[in-house]
Protein backbone atom coordinates (compact mmCIF):
# COMPACT_ATOMS: atom_id res chain seq x y z
CA MET A 1 113.22 92.09 72.86
CA ILE A 2 112.73 95.81 73.19
CA PHE A 3 112.13 97.22 76.67
CA LEU A 4 110.77 100.77 76.89
CA ILE A 5 111.74 102.45 80.15
CA GLY A 6 111.21 105.93 81.55
CA MET A 7 109.11 108.09 83.81
CA MET A 8 105.34 107.81 83.90
CA GLY A 9 103.93 109.90 81.08
CA ALA A 10 107.02 109.56 78.90
CA GLY A 11 105.03 107.68 76.25
CA LYS A 12 106.18 104.09 76.79
CA SER A 13 102.77 102.48 76.30
CA THR A 14 101.75 104.72 73.41
CA ILE A 15 105.05 104.34 71.56
CA GLY A 16 105.14 100.60 72.30
CA GLN A 17 101.68 100.06 70.82
CA LEU A 18 102.46 102.15 67.75
CA LEU A 19 105.82 100.44 67.24
CA SER A 20 104.05 97.10 67.49
CA LYS A 21 101.49 98.06 64.84
CA ASN A 22 104.20 99.51 62.62
CA THR A 23 106.54 96.52 62.80
CA GLY A 24 104.22 93.60 63.47
CA LEU A 25 106.15 92.74 66.64
CA SER A 26 104.04 91.75 69.62
CA PHE A 27 103.51 94.19 72.50
CA ILE A 28 102.96 93.87 76.23
CA ASP A 29 102.34 96.55 78.83
CA LEU A 30 103.79 95.30 82.11
CA ASP A 31 101.43 97.36 84.28
CA ASN A 32 98.41 95.98 82.38
CA GLU A 33 99.69 92.45 82.93
CA ILE A 34 99.92 93.08 86.66
CA VAL A 35 96.33 94.37 86.66
CA LYS A 36 95.22 91.15 84.92
CA ILE A 37 97.17 88.92 87.30
CA GLU A 38 96.01 90.70 90.45
CA GLY A 39 92.45 91.41 89.36
CA LEU A 40 92.93 94.88 90.83
CA SER A 41 93.78 98.31 89.46
CA LEU A 42 97.30 99.57 90.04
CA ASN A 43 95.92 101.99 92.63
CA GLU A 44 94.22 99.10 94.43
CA VAL A 45 97.39 96.99 94.39
CA PHE A 46 99.35 99.88 95.92
CA THR A 47 96.63 100.71 98.45
CA LEU A 48 95.70 97.19 99.53
CA LYS A 49 99.03 95.40 99.21
CA GLY A 50 101.65 98.16 99.25
CA GLU A 51 104.44 99.31 96.98
CA ARG A 52 106.81 96.58 98.14
CA TYR A 53 104.35 93.88 97.04
CA PHE A 54 103.83 95.69 93.74
CA ARG A 55 107.58 95.78 93.07
CA GLU A 56 107.80 92.03 93.82
CA ILE A 57 104.96 91.14 91.43
CA GLU A 58 106.43 93.55 88.87
CA ALA A 59 109.78 91.71 88.98
CA LYS A 60 108.09 88.30 88.69
CA THR A 61 105.91 89.46 85.80
CA LEU A 62 108.89 90.98 83.96
CA LYS A 63 110.60 87.59 83.94
CA THR A 64 107.60 86.02 82.18
CA VAL A 65 107.67 88.48 79.29
CA LYS A 66 108.09 86.77 75.95
CA SER A 67 106.89 89.71 73.92
CA SER A 68 109.03 91.57 71.42
CA ILE A 69 108.15 95.04 72.77
CA CYS A 70 107.59 95.59 76.49
CA SER A 71 106.43 98.83 78.08
CA CYS A 72 107.85 98.75 81.61
CA GLY A 73 106.51 100.61 84.61
CA GLY A 74 108.39 103.75 85.58
CA GLY A 75 109.98 102.14 88.63
CA ILE A 76 111.22 98.96 86.95
CA ILE A 77 114.81 100.24 87.17
CA LEU A 78 114.69 100.48 90.97
CA ASN A 79 115.48 96.77 91.21
CA GLN A 80 118.92 95.79 89.90
CA ASN A 81 117.66 92.27 89.13
CA ASN A 82 115.11 93.82 86.76
CA VAL A 83 117.83 95.86 85.07
CA ASP A 84 120.01 92.76 84.72
CA PHE A 85 117.10 90.83 83.19
CA ILE A 86 116.43 93.62 80.71
CA LYS A 87 120.12 93.89 79.78
CA ASP A 88 120.43 90.10 79.37
CA ASN A 89 117.28 89.72 77.28
CA GLY A 90 117.06 92.68 74.96
CA ILE A 91 117.67 96.34 74.37
CA SER A 92 116.37 99.12 76.61
CA ILE A 93 115.13 102.39 75.18
CA PHE A 94 114.82 105.20 77.68
CA LEU A 95 112.07 107.63 76.63
CA THR A 96 112.58 110.94 78.36
CA THR A 97 111.21 114.46 78.30
CA GLU A 98 111.09 117.55 80.51
CA ILE A 99 109.27 117.40 83.84
CA LYS A 100 106.93 120.21 82.75
CA GLU A 101 105.89 118.10 79.76
CA LEU A 102 105.33 115.03 81.96
CA ASN A 103 103.21 117.12 84.30
CA LYS A 104 101.11 118.34 81.38
CA ARG A 105 100.62 114.78 80.11
CA LEU A 106 99.68 113.44 83.55
CA VAL A 107 97.48 116.22 84.87
CA ASN A 108 94.22 114.31 84.24
CA SER A 109 95.56 110.85 85.05
CA LYS A 110 93.80 108.95 87.83
CA ASP A 111 95.82 105.72 87.69
CA ARG A 112 99.29 106.72 88.84
CA PRO A 113 99.52 105.29 92.35
CA ILE A 114 103.02 106.54 93.03
CA LEU A 115 101.70 110.10 92.73
CA LYS A 116 98.72 109.33 95.01
CA ASN A 117 96.42 111.19 92.60
CA LYS A 118 98.07 114.54 93.38
CA ILE A 119 100.12 115.29 90.34
CA LYS A 120 102.42 118.13 91.13
CA ILE A 121 105.52 119.15 89.34
CA GLU A 122 107.45 119.00 92.62
CA GLU A 123 106.54 115.32 93.09
CA LEU A 124 107.61 114.48 89.54
CA GLU A 125 110.91 116.33 90.08
CA LYS A 126 111.49 114.36 93.29
CA ILE A 127 110.85 111.05 91.52
CA TRP A 128 113.11 112.12 88.63
CA ARG A 129 115.98 113.07 90.95
CA HIS A 130 115.67 109.70 92.69
CA ARG A 131 115.58 107.66 89.45
CA LYS A 132 117.61 109.64 86.89
CA LYS A 133 120.91 107.87 87.50
CA ASP A 134 119.22 104.45 87.35
CA TYR A 135 117.50 105.28 84.07
CA MET A 136 120.78 106.43 82.56
CA LYS A 137 122.65 103.31 83.72
CA SER A 138 119.86 101.04 82.47
CA ALA A 139 119.46 102.56 79.02
CA ASP A 140 121.03 101.25 75.84
CA VAL A 141 119.38 104.07 73.88
CA ILE A 142 118.07 107.43 75.11
CA LEU A 143 115.36 109.21 73.12
CA ASP A 144 113.96 112.60 74.09
CA THR A 145 110.26 112.60 73.20
CA LYS A 146 109.70 116.35 73.50
CA TYR A 147 109.00 118.18 70.25
CA LYS A 148 108.86 114.89 68.35
CA SER A 149 105.80 113.39 66.78
CA GLN A 150 104.96 109.79 67.55
CA GLU A 151 105.69 108.96 63.92
CA LEU A 152 109.18 110.48 64.15
CA LEU A 153 109.92 108.54 67.34
CA ILE A 154 108.79 105.26 65.73
CA ASN A 155 111.01 105.95 62.72
CA GLU A 156 113.99 106.79 64.96
CA ILE A 157 113.56 103.53 66.86
CA LYS A 158 113.21 101.53 63.66
CA ILE A 159 116.39 103.07 62.26
CA LEU A 160 118.34 102.62 65.49
CA LEU A 161 117.29 98.98 65.82
CA GLN A 162 117.33 98.28 62.08
CA LEU A 163 113.71 97.06 62.11
């Protein structure tokens, strides 16, 4: 399996869907699965049940993934059991880019509960500082998405993974 990890806005869902179409491998977006299971938006899960509950359901949902390509939520690496599962069951690709680029990509987003609908570069920098080491430790492959077309990223992944 291929697990795409990284900050919100790094392109995990977009690249995962395109890689799926390009290779014929199945795709799952972990956040979308949680929305289906809970019958609530991510914002509602965070607001009504809290981040701790979300992280618990995220870990449980991760362990049910049978898909070939999985787009993981940005905080998946905060739980060492999640990282162990990913390492034991596939390869992790860390999609990264500059904070300014993430901010630009997320400026109109309304479904990022961790940002509480107030996307500010300072908040993204804070999240990045908190998670950077965990992303690096969790990654088998690191790909910078800045200045690269989606097509180039798909081709890089296919070459790296010999797909």
